[in-house]
């Protein structure tokens, strides 16, 4: 790609210091803060993500939205449909970024067609949002009868940024066992089950029992 400023540097018409300032200015114009929903659509393209509202009477007035990408579903909760949609999009985006990082670390290919500029825009968005928050937030209060709640729903309510990762699938159908893990406060929690939903629920239960000193009733 033609770079006129580089030709000017070589000819002595622009100093290296001025060129560095111009490069920073151009980079600053390219990185614009964008929320997770905008970045997810930018990375995957229009129509690649389907958002579905799920009826959950047990949520006590909160909304539940699923972000569906292929066979994968990412669930978000919120006091409004838009808030739940944003959370579902952020969780989906985090999974996408983690998967790309894992692919990059295990791949021998030099070329990476994944565009990281939108990810930088999302990072900028999260950074600016964090500046508006208190330095130290008070701990969330456990809801009444927390030990009777669905562990996944409780963990999402108390730690909405939790990301789950599938570790393995062992066995052959119909006797497949799934292993799901999550990392919270530097602690790793693992759940197993005959399907991903059951494994994720057990993983969330292990996390809640440790983090919130709970004992769920079956």
C-alpha atoms as a PDB file:
ATOM      1  CA  UNK A   1       0.000   0.000   0.000  1.00  0.00           C
ATOM      2  CA  UNK A   2       1.282   3.454  -0.935  1.00  0.00           C
ATOM      3  CA  UNK A   3       2.336   5.522   2.082  1.00  0.00           C
ATOM      4  CA  UNK A   4       2.968   9.160   1.059  1.00  0.00           C
ATOM      5  CA  UNK A   5       4.127  10.094   4.546  1.00  0.00           C
ATOM      6  CA  UNK A   6       6.884   7.481   4.308  1.00  0.00           C
ATOM      7  CA  UNK A   7       8.106   8.996   1.024  1.00  0.00           C
ATOM      8  CA  UNK A   8       8.156  12.410   2.688  1.00  0.00           C
ATOM      9  CA  UNK A   9      10.214  11.063   5.584  1.00  0.00           C
ATOM     10  CA  UNK A  10      12.736   9.584   3.172  1.00  0.00           C
ATOM     11  CA  UNK A  11      12.928  12.862   1.299  1.00  0.00           C
ATOM     12  CA  UNK A  12      13.357  14.792   4.542  1.00  0.00           C
ATOM     13  CA  UNK A  13      10.117  16.794   4.236  1.00  0.00           C
ATOM     14  CA  UNK A  14       8.583  15.294   7.436  1.00  0.00           C
ATOM     15  CA  UNK A  15      10.497  14.564  10.613  1.00  0.00           C
ATOM     16  CA  UNK A  16      10.201  11.137  12.256  1.00  0.00           C
ATOM     17  CA  UNK A  17       8.643  12.814  15.290  1.00  0.00           C
ATOM     18  CA  UNK A  18       5.863  14.402  13.205  1.00  0.00           C
ATOM     19  CA  UNK A  19       5.334  11.125  11.369  1.00  0.00           C
ATOM     20  CA  UNK A  20       4.885   9.292  14.682  1.00  0.00           C
ATOM     21  CA  UNK A  21       2.300  11.882  15.777  1.00  0.00           C
ATOM     22  CA  UNK A  22       0.396  11.434  12.516  1.00  0.00           C
ATOM     23  CA  UNK A  23       0.401   7.662  12.869  1.00  0.00           C
ATOM     24  CA  UNK A  24      -1.055   7.970  16.381  1.00  0.00           C
ATOM     25  CA  UNK A  25      -3.726  10.356  15.126  1.00  0.00           C
ATOM     26  CA  UNK A  26      -4.750   7.963  12.370  1.00  0.00           C
ATOM     27  CA  UNK A  27      -4.873   5.055  14.822  1.00  0.00           C
ATOM     28  CA  UNK A  28      -6.981   7.127  17.210  1.00  0.00           C
ATOM     29  CA  UNK A  29      -9.490   7.802  14.440  1.00  0.00           C
ATOM     30  CA  UNK A  30      -9.721   4.097  13.588  1.00  0.00           C
ATOM     31  CA  UNK A  31     -10.306   2.880  17.168  1.00  0.00           C
ATOM     32  CA  UNK A  32     -13.781   4.058  18.123  1.00  0.00           C
ATOM     33  CA  UNK A  33     -15.464   2.719  21.268  1.00  0.00           C
ATOM     34  CA  UNK A  34     -18.155   0.177  20.319  1.00  0.00           C
ATOM     35  CA  UNK A  35     -20.324  -2.040  22.491  1.00  0.00           C
ATOM     36  CA  UNK A  36     -20.279  -5.825  22.264  1.00  0.00           C
ATOM     37  CA  UNK A  37     -23.379  -6.038  20.074  1.00  0.00           C
ATOM     38  CA  UNK A  38     -21.918  -3.693  17.457  1.00  0.00           C
ATOM     39  CA  UNK A  39     -18.564  -5.490  17.430  1.00  0.00           C
ATOM     40  CA  UNK A  40     -20.158  -8.952  17.243  1.00  0.00           C
ATOM     41  CA  UNK A  41     -22.191  -7.938  14.189  1.00  0.00           C
ATOM     42  CA  UNK A  42     -19.126  -6.308  12.638  1.00  0.00           C
ATOM     43  CA  UNK A  43     -17.013  -9.449  13.045  1.00  0.00           C
ATOM     44  CA  UNK A  44     -19.602 -12.003  11.962  1.00  0.00           C
ATOM     45  CA  UNK A  45     -21.572  -9.963   9.458  1.00  0.00           C
ATOM     46  CA  UNK A  46     -25.282  -9.110   9.266  1.00  0.00           C
ATOM     47  CA  UNK A  47     -27.746 -11.900   9.905  1.00  0.00           C
ATOM     48  CA  UNK A  48     -25.199 -14.247  11.497  1.00  0.00           C
ATOM     49  CA  UNK A  49     -26.494 -13.749  15.043  1.00  0.00           C
ATOM     50  CA  UNK A  50     -30.094 -14.465  15.987  1.00  0.00           C
ATOM     51  CA  UNK A  51     -31.472 -13.112  19.253  1.00  0.00           C
ATOM     52  CA  UNK A  52     -34.375 -14.967  20.850  1.00  0.00           C
ATOM     53  CA  UNK A  53     -36.373 -13.969  23.907  1.00  0.00           C
ATOM     54  CA  UNK A  54     -36.878 -16.873  26.292  1.00  0.00           C
ATOM     55  CA  UNK A  55     -39.872 -17.026  28.609  1.00  0.00           C
ATOM     56  CA  UNK A  56     -38.625 -17.510  32.174  1.00  0.00           C
ATOM     57  CA  UNK A  57     -41.323 -16.931  34.828  1.00  0.00           C
ATOM     58  CA  UNK A  58     -38.756 -17.853  37.506  1.00  0.00           C
ATOM     59  CA  UNK A  59     -36.669 -14.743  36.807  1.00  0.00           C
ATOM     60  CA  UNK A  60     -38.980 -12.445  38.744  1.00  0.00           C
ATOM     61  CA  UNK A  61     -39.497  -9.812  36.055  1.00  0.00           C
ATOM     62  CA  UNK A  62     -36.024  -9.988  34.495  1.00  0.00           C
ATOM     63  CA  UNK A  63     -35.635 -10.633  30.774  1.00  0.00           C
ATOM     64  CA  UNK A  64     -33.724 -13.523  29.212  1.00  0.00           C
ATOM     65  CA  UNK A  65     -32.270 -13.262  25.698  1.00  0.00           C
ATOM     66  CA  UNK A  66     -30.350 -15.957  23.808  1.00  0.00           C
ATOM     67  CA  UNK A  67     -27.720 -15.038  21.206  1.00  0.00           C
ATOM     68  CA  UNK A  68     -27.678 -17.937  18.733  1.00  0.00           C
ATOM     69  CA  UNK A  69     -24.626 -18.419  16.514  1.00  0.00           C
ATOM     70  CA  UNK A  70     -24.899 -21.660  14.614  1.00  0.00           C
ATOM     71  CA  UNK A  71     -25.497 -24.374  17.193  1.00  0.00           C
ATOM     72  CA  UNK A  72     -24.078 -22.289  20.043  1.00  0.00           C
ATOM     73  CA  UNK A  73     -26.300 -20.311  22.397  1.00  0.00           C
ATOM     74  CA  UNK A  74     -25.198 -17.547  24.778  1.00  0.00           C
ATOM     75  CA  UNK A  75     -27.655 -16.369  27.422  1.00  0.00           C
ATOM     76  CA  UNK A  76     -27.966 -12.856  28.804  1.00  0.00           C
ATOM     77  CA  UNK A  77     -30.208 -11.475  31.551  1.00  0.00           C
ATOM     78  CA  UNK A  78     -31.279  -7.910  32.243  1.00  0.00           C
ATOM     79  CA  UNK A  79     -33.887  -5.599  33.669  1.00  0.00           C
ATOM     80  CA  UNK A  80     -34.802  -4.696  30.079  1.00  0.00           C
ATOM     81  CA  UNK A  81     -34.732  -6.625  26.803  1.00  0.00           C
ATOM     82  CA  UNK A  82     -31.958  -4.396  25.493  1.00  0.00           C
ATOM     83  CA  UNK A  83     -29.810  -4.931  28.595  1.00  0.00           C
ATOM     84  CA  UNK A  84     -30.263  -8.707  28.282  1.00  0.00           C
ATOM     85  CA  UNK A  85     -29.421  -8.535  24.563  1.00  0.00           C
ATOM     86  CA  UNK A  86     -26.238  -6.557  25.248  1.00  0.00           C
ATOM     87  CA  UNK A  87     -25.139  -9.067  27.879  1.00  0.00           C
ATOM     88  CA  UNK A  88     -25.801 -12.046  25.591  1.00  0.00           C
ATOM     89  CA  UNK A  89     -23.809 -10.340  22.817  1.00  0.00           C
ATOM     90  CA  UNK A  90     -20.871  -9.643  25.150  1.00  0.00           C
ATOM     91  CA  UNK A  91     -20.755 -13.262  26.342  1.00  0.00           C
ATOM     92  CA  UNK A  92     -20.850 -14.487  22.727  1.00  0.00           C
ATOM     93  CA  UNK A  93     -18.099 -12.029  21.780  1.00  0.00           C
ATOM     94  CA  UNK A  94     -15.880 -13.164  24.656  1.00  0.00           C
ATOM     95  CA  UNK A  95     -16.240 -16.793  23.551  1.00  0.00           C
ATOM     96  CA  UNK A  96     -15.388 -15.798  19.982  1.00  0.00           C
ATOM     97  CA  UNK A  97     -12.252 -13.927  21.079  1.00  0.00           C
ATOM     98  CA  UNK A  98     -11.106 -16.752  23.389  1.00  0.00           C
ATOM     99  CA  UNK A  99     -11.583 -19.306  20.596  1.00  0.00           C
ATOM    100  CA  UNK A 100      -9.594 -17.158  18.162  1.00  0.00           C
ATOM    101  CA  UNK A 101      -6.776 -16.751  20.686  1.00  0.00           C
ATOM    102  CA  UNK A 102      -6.690 -20.511  21.268  1.00  0.00           C
ATOM    103  CA  UNK A 103      -6.637 -21.155  17.518  1.00  0.00           C
ATOM    104  CA  UNK A 104      -3.811 -18.662  17.092  1.00  0.00           C
ATOM    105  CA  UNK A 105      -1.715 -20.240  19.856  1.00  0.00           C
ATOM    106  CA  UNK A 106      -2.066 -23.740  18.401  1.00  0.00           C
ATOM    107  CA  UNK A 107      -1.808 -22.863  14.704  1.00  0.00           C
ATOM    108  CA  UNK A 108       1.404 -22.847  12.710  1.00  0.00           C
ATOM    109  CA  UNK A 109      -0.047 -20.593  10.025  1.00  0.00           C
ATOM    110  CA  UNK A 110       1.439 -17.137   9.693  1.00  0.00           C
ATOM    111  CA  UNK A 111      -1.617 -15.419   8.224  1.00  0.00           C
ATOM    112  CA  UNK A 112      -4.506 -14.430  10.478  1.00  0.00           C
ATOM    113  CA  UNK A 113      -7.573 -13.173   8.633  1.00  0.00           C
ATOM    114  CA  UNK A 114      -9.401 -12.311  11.850  1.00  0.00           C
ATOM    115  CA  UNK A 115      -9.768  -8.544  12.251  1.00  0.00           C
ATOM    116  CA  UNK A 116      -8.599  -7.423  15.685  1.00  0.00           C
ATOM    117  CA  UNK A 117      -9.458  -3.750  15.187  1.00  0.00           C
ATOM    118  CA  UNK A 118     -13.126  -4.225  16.244  1.00  0.00           C
ATOM    119  CA  UNK A 119     -11.873  -6.066  19.348  1.00  0.00           C
ATOM    120  CA  UNK A 120      -9.780  -3.005  20.184  1.00  0.00           C
ATOM    121  CA  UNK A 121     -12.940  -0.898  19.826  1.00  0.00           C
ATOM    122  CA  UNK A 122     -14.740  -3.168  22.311  1.00  0.00           C
ATOM    123  CA  UNK A 123     -11.782  -2.968  24.714  1.00  0.00           C
ATOM    124  CA  UNK A 124     -11.951   0.823  24.470  1.00  0.00           C
ATOM    125  CA  UNK A 125     -15.691   0.706  25.221  1.00  0.00           C
ATOM    126  CA  UNK A 126     -15.158  -1.449  28.325  1.00  0.00           C
ATOM    127  CA  UNK A 127     -12.298   0.772  29.493  1.00  0.00           C
ATOM    128  CA  UNK A 128     -14.347   3.954  29.199  1.00  0.00           C
ATOM    129  CA  UNK A 129     -17.247   2.286  31.013  1.00  0.00           C
ATOM    130  CA  UNK A 130     -14.970   1.145  33.832  1.00  0.00           C
ATOM    131  CA  UNK A 131     -13.817   4.726  34.381  1.00  0.00           C
ATOM    132  CA  UNK A 132     -17.386   5.671  35.213  1.00  0.00           C
ATOM    133  CA  UNK A 133     -17.668   2.996  37.865  1.00  0.00           C
ATOM    134  CA  UNK A 134     -16.649   3.182  41.503  1.00  0.00           C
ATOM    135  CA  UNK A 135     -13.143   2.001  42.291  1.00  0.00           C
ATOM    136  CA  UNK A 136     -14.543  -0.640  44.585  1.00  0.00           C
ATOM    137  CA  UNK A 137     -18.101  -1.879  44.241  1.00  0.00           C
ATOM    138  CA  UNK A 138     -19.969  -3.245  47.234  1.00  0.00           C
ATOM    139  CA  UNK A 139     -20.500  -6.990  47.042  1.00  0.00           C
ATOM    140  CA  UNK A 140     -23.854  -8.016  45.595  1.00  0.00           C
ATOM    141  CA  UNK A 141     -26.295  -9.365  48.125  1.00  0.00           C
ATOM    142  CA  UNK A 142     -27.387 -12.953  47.642  1.00  0.00           C
ATOM    143  CA  UNK A 143     -31.103 -13.185  46.823  1.00  0.00           C
ATOM    144  CA  UNK A 144     -33.426 -14.809  49.318  1.00  0.00           C
ATOM    145  CA  UNK A 145     -33.611 -18.599  49.063  1.00  0.00           C
ATOM    146  CA  UNK A 146     -30.510 -18.589  46.844  1.00  0.00           C
ATOM    147  CA  UNK A 147     -29.913 -22.274  47.611  1.00  0.00           C
ATOM    148  CA  UNK A 148     -33.164 -23.103  45.819  1.00  0.00           C
ATOM    149  CA  UNK A 149     -32.287 -21.194  42.622  1.00  0.00           C
ATOM    150  CA  UNK A 150     -30.880 -22.612  39.420  1.00  0.00           C
ATOM    151  CA  UNK A 151     -27.070 -22.439  39.911  1.00  0.00           C
ATOM    152  CA  UNK A 152     -26.484 -21.073  36.411  1.00  0.00           C
ATOM    153  CA  UNK A 153     -29.019 -18.283  36.875  1.00  0.00           C
ATOM    154  CA  UNK A 154     -27.635 -17.417  40.323  1.00  0.00           C
ATOM    155  CA  UNK A 155     -24.036 -17.273  39.092  1.00  0.00           C
ATOM    156  CA  UNK A 156     -25.043 -15.114  36.142  1.00  0.00           C
ATOM    157  CA  UNK A 157     -26.856 -12.743  38.499  1.00  0.00           C
ATOM    158  CA  UNK A 158     -23.946 -12.490  40.940  1.00  0.00           C
ATOM    159  CA  UNK A 159     -21.088 -12.671  38.399  1.00  0.00           C
ATOM    160  CA  UNK A 160     -22.528 -11.641  35.006  1.00  0.00           C
ATOM    161  CA  UNK A 161     -19.128 -11.695  33.268  1.00  0.00           C
ATOM    162  CA  UNK A 162     -18.590 -15.417  33.891  1.00  0.00           C
ATOM    163  CA  UNK A 163     -17.349 -17.305  30.819  1.00  0.00           C
ATOM    164  CA  UNK A 164     -17.679 -21.088  30.465  1.00  0.00           C
ATOM    165  CA  UNK A 165     -15.333 -23.201  28.370  1.00  0.00           C
ATOM    166  CA  UNK A 166     -15.879 -26.732  27.097  1.00  0.00           C
ATOM    167  CA  UNK A 167     -12.900 -28.887  28.048  1.00  0.00           C
ATOM    168  CA  UNK A 168     -13.738 -32.226  26.485  1.00  0.00           C
ATOM    169  CA  UNK A 169     -16.260 -34.779  25.300  1.00  0.00           C
ATOM    170  CA  UNK A 170     -15.536 -38.318  26.399  1.00  0.00           C
ATOM    171  CA  UNK A 171     -17.170 -41.545  25.247  1.00  0.00           C
ATOM    172  CA  UNK A 172     -19.444 -42.355  22.339  1.00  0.00           C
ATOM    173  CA  UNK A 173     -23.131 -41.621  21.836  1.00  0.00           C
ATOM    174  CA  UNK A 174     -25.361 -42.056  23.686  1.00  0.00           C
ATOM    175  CA  UNK A 175     -22.881 -42.314  26.573  1.00  0.00           C
ATOM    176  CA  UNK A 176     -21.003 -39.048  26.027  1.00  0.00           C
ATOM    177  CA  UNK A 177     -19.761 -37.107  29.063  1.00  0.00           C
ATOM    178  CA  UNK A 178     -19.079 -33.378  28.751  1.00  0.00           C
ATOM    179  CA  UNK A 179     -16.628 -31.383  30.900  1.00  0.00           C
ATOM    180  CA  UNK A 180     -17.168 -27.629  31.316  1.00  0.00           C
ATOM    181  CA  UNK A 181     -14.976 -25.234  33.274  1.00  0.00           C
ATOM    182  CA  UNK A 182     -14.971 -21.622  34.391  1.00  0.00           C
ATOM    183  CA  UNK A 183     -12.359 -19.439  36.078  1.00  0.00           C
ATOM    184  CA  UNK A 184     -13.506 -16.953  38.746  1.00  0.00           C
ATOM    185  CA  UNK A 185     -11.272 -14.973  41.095  1.00  0.00           C
ATOM    186  CA  UNK A 186      -8.352 -17.173  40.080  1.00  0.00           C
ATOM    187  CA  UNK A 187     -10.212 -20.360  41.038  1.00  0.00           C
ATOM    188  CA  UNK A 188     -11.095 -23.051  38.516  1.00  0.00           C
ATOM    189  CA  UNK A 189     -14.411 -24.890  38.685  1.00  0.00           C
ATOM    190  CA  UNK A 190     -15.310 -27.930  36.583  1.00  0.00           C
ATOM    191  CA  UNK A 191     -18.628 -29.654  35.971  1.00  0.00           C
ATOM    192  CA  UNK A 192     -19.470 -32.867  34.142  1.00  0.00           C
ATOM    193  CA  UNK A 193     -22.683 -34.149  32.623  1.00  0.00           C
ATOM    194  CA  UNK A 194     -24.287 -36.166  29.844  1.00  0.00           C
ATOM    195  CA  UNK A 195     -24.974 -32.939  27.949  1.00  0.00           C
ATOM    196  CA  UNK A 196     -23.493 -29.444  27.915  1.00  0.00           C
ATOM    197  CA  UNK A 197     -26.416 -27.954  29.845  1.00  0.00           C
ATOM    198  CA  UNK A 198     -26.031 -30.407  32.726  1.00  0.00           C
ATOM    199  CA  UNK A 199     -22.243 -29.999  32.811  1.00  0.00           C
ATOM    200  CA  UNK A 200     -22.564 -26.206  32.846  1.00  0.00           C
ATOM    201  CA  UNK A 201     -25.148 -26.360  35.645  1.00  0.00           C
ATOM    202  CA  UNK A 202     -22.846 -28.529  37.758  1.00  0.00           C
ATOM    203  CA  UNK A 203     -19.917 -26.213  37.042  1.00  0.00           C
ATOM    204  CA  UNK A 204     -21.986 -23.205  38.143  1.00  0.00           C
ATOM    205  CA  UNK A 205     -23.097 -25.087  41.262  1.00  0.00           C
ATOM    206  CA  UNK A 206     -19.491 -25.865  42.256  1.00  0.00           C
ATOM    207  CA  UNK A 207     -18.601 -22.193  41.797  1.00  0.00           C
ATOM    208  CA  UNK A 208     -21.582 -20.906  43.817  1.00  0.00           C
ATOM    209  CA  UNK A 209     -20.976 -23.354  46.651  1.00  0.00           C
ATOM    210  CA  UNK A 210     -17.402 -22.151  47.002  1.00  0.00           C
ATOM    211  CA  UNK A 211     -17.836 -18.437  46.307  1.00  0.00           C
ATOM    212  CA  UNK A 212     -21.071 -17.888  48.211  1.00  0.00           C
ATOM    213  CA  UNK A 213     -20.868 -20.689  50.795  1.00  0.00           C
ATOM    214  CA  UNK A 214     -24.050 -22.366  49.568  1.00  0.00           C
ATOM    215  CA  UNK A 215     -25.361 -25.895  49.555  1.00  0.00           C
ATOM    216  CA  UNK A 216     -27.958 -26.424  46.841  1.00  0.00           C
ATOM    217  CA  UNK A 217     -30.966 -28.639  47.457  1.00  0.00           C
ATOM    218  CA  UNK A 218     -31.559 -31.244  44.753  1.00  0.00           C
END
